[in-house]
Amino acid sequence: MDAPPPPPFMFQPLPRPVQGVIHDYTSSAPSPVTSPTGEPPMFGIVLKDGSVRSAVAVVVDDDGLKYTDPDGRNVQLSLYAVDREKTRNLNRERNLSLWLPVVP
């Protein structure tokens, strides 16, 4: 009685490792200028259609750009809809740093 032949070798590529990135802007970034109401300014997200969205929090991941608007709603956008240069300039004027990756 012979043993059955071993199963054929199958190569399974390893899943892509998760690479988290944390940016700490508290040590060297200038403090944001406050608005006339005393509130810190919000992030500005400029879309390619010229509209501007305000955000109190922004997260960028593989699914796109996610932000929380001033009313507490969570919104998701495609990075392709965002005008990166105008967004960077607007936030620089507000003394805020918002990093957006280059989209292929």
Protein backbone atom coordinates (compact mmCIF):
# COMPACT_ATOMS: atom_id res chain seq x y z
CA MET A 1 0.00 0.00 0.00
CA ASP A 2 1.63 3.21 -1.23
CA ALA A 3 1.12 6.61 0.42
CA PRO A 4 -0.76 9.16 -1.70
CA PRO A 5 1.45 11.70 -3.45
CA PRO A 6 1.90 15.01 -1.59
CA PRO A 7 -0.29 17.89 -2.76
CA PRO A 8 1.32 20.22 -5.29
CA PHE A 9 3.24 23.15 -3.81
CA MET A 10 1.24 26.36 -3.95
CA PHE A 11 2.86 29.74 -3.42
CA GLN A 12 0.69 32.13 -1.45
CA PRO A 13 2.05 35.69 -1.36
CA LEU A 14 1.98 37.31 2.04
CA PRO A 15 -0.61 40.03 2.57
CA ARG A 16 0.63 43.58 2.24
CA PRO A 17 1.74 44.79 5.68
CA VAL A 18 -0.13 47.66 7.26
CA GLN A 19 1.97 50.78 7.51
CA GLY A 20 0.64 53.33 9.96
CA VAL A 21 1.89 56.89 9.91
CA ILE A 22 1.60 59.32 12.79
CA HIS A 23 2.38 63.00 12.33
CA ASP A 24 3.01 65.01 15.49
CA TYR A 25 2.56 68.70 14.78
CA THR A 26 2.68 69.89 18.38
CA SER A 27 6.45 70.22 18.81
CA SER A 28 7.53 72.52 15.98
CA ALA A 29 4.40 73.75 14.25
CA PRO A 30 3.28 77.29 14.98
CA SER A 31 0.10 77.46 16.99
CA PRO A 32 -3.00 78.14 14.89
CA VAL A 33 -4.38 81.62 14.81
CA THR A 34 -7.75 81.83 16.52
CA SER A 35 -10.84 83.13 14.81
CA PRO A 36 -12.72 86.20 16.09
CA THR A 37 -14.89 83.83 18.18
CA GLY A 38 -11.79 82.45 19.91
CA GLU A 39 -12.11 79.04 18.23
CA PRO A 40 -9.14 77.55 16.41
CA PRO A 41 -9.57 77.53 12.63
CA MET A 42 -10.79 74.39 10.90
CA PHE A 43 -9.10 72.50 8.12
CA GLY A 44 -10.18 73.55 4.65
CA ILE A 45 -10.61 70.98 1.90
CA VAL A 46 -10.78 72.54 -1.57
CA LEU A 47 -12.45 70.39 -4.19
CA LYS A 48 -11.64 70.48 -7.90
CA ASP A 49 -15.08 71.99 -8.56
CA GLY A 50 -13.99 75.04 -6.48
CA SER A 51 -16.12 74.32 -3.42
CA VAL A 52 -14.53 74.36 0.03
CA ARG A 53 -15.40 71.97 2.86
CA SER A 54 -14.60 72.68 6.52
CA ALA A 55 -13.33 69.90 8.76
CA VAL A 56 -12.54 69.57 12.45
CA ALA A 57 -10.73 66.25 11.85
CA VAL A 58 -9.28 64.63 8.72
CA VAL A 59 -8.06 61.08 8.04
CA VAL A 60 -6.55 59.83 4.79
CA ASP A 61 -6.42 56.10 4.05
CA ASP A 62 -6.69 53.68 1.11
CA ASP A 63 -10.41 54.41 0.81
CA GLY A 64 -9.91 58.16 0.36
CA LEU A 65 -10.24 61.21 2.54
CA LYS A 66 -12.56 61.05 5.53
CA TYR A 67 -13.41 64.08 7.60
CA THR A 68 -15.72 65.28 10.33
CA ASP A 69 -17.53 68.48 9.47
CA PRO A 70 -18.33 71.23 12.02
CA ASP A 71 -21.79 69.68 12.63
CA GLY A 72 -20.23 66.34 13.62
CA ARG A 73 -21.13 64.50 10.41
CA ASN A 74 -18.60 62.03 9.03
CA VAL A 75 -18.00 62.48 5.30
CA GLN A 76 -15.91 60.49 2.83
CA LEU A 77 -14.42 61.87 -0.40
CA SER A 78 -12.30 60.45 -3.17
CA LEU A 79 -8.80 61.91 -3.17
CA TYR A 80 -9.31 62.49 -6.90
CA ALA A 81 -11.96 65.11 -6.06
CA VAL A 82 -9.57 67.15 -3.89
CA ASP A 83 -7.45 69.98 -5.29
CA ARG A 84 -4.26 69.17 -3.38
CA GLU A 85 -2.39 72.41 -4.11
CA LYS A 86 -5.27 74.74 -3.19
CA THR A 87 -6.01 72.67 -0.08
CA ARG A 88 -2.37 72.87 1.01
CA ASN A 89 -2.27 76.65 0.40
CA LEU A 90 -5.53 77.30 2.25
CA ASN A 91 -4.40 75.37 5.30
CA ARG A 92 -0.97 77.01 5.22
CA GLU A 93 -2.75 80.41 5.40
CA ARG A 94 -4.55 79.10 8.49
CA ASN A 95 -1.25 77.89 10.02
CA LEU A 96 -2.50 74.31 9.76
CA SER A 97 -0.73 71.38 8.17
CA LEU A 98 -2.81 68.87 6.25
CA TRP A 99 -0.82 66.14 4.50
CA LEU A 100 -2.42 64.63 1.38
CA PRO A 101 -0.76 61.80 -0.54
CA VAL A 102 -0.13 61.94 -4.27
CA VAL A 103 -2.80 60.00 -6.09
CA PRO A 104 -1.62 57.80 -8.95
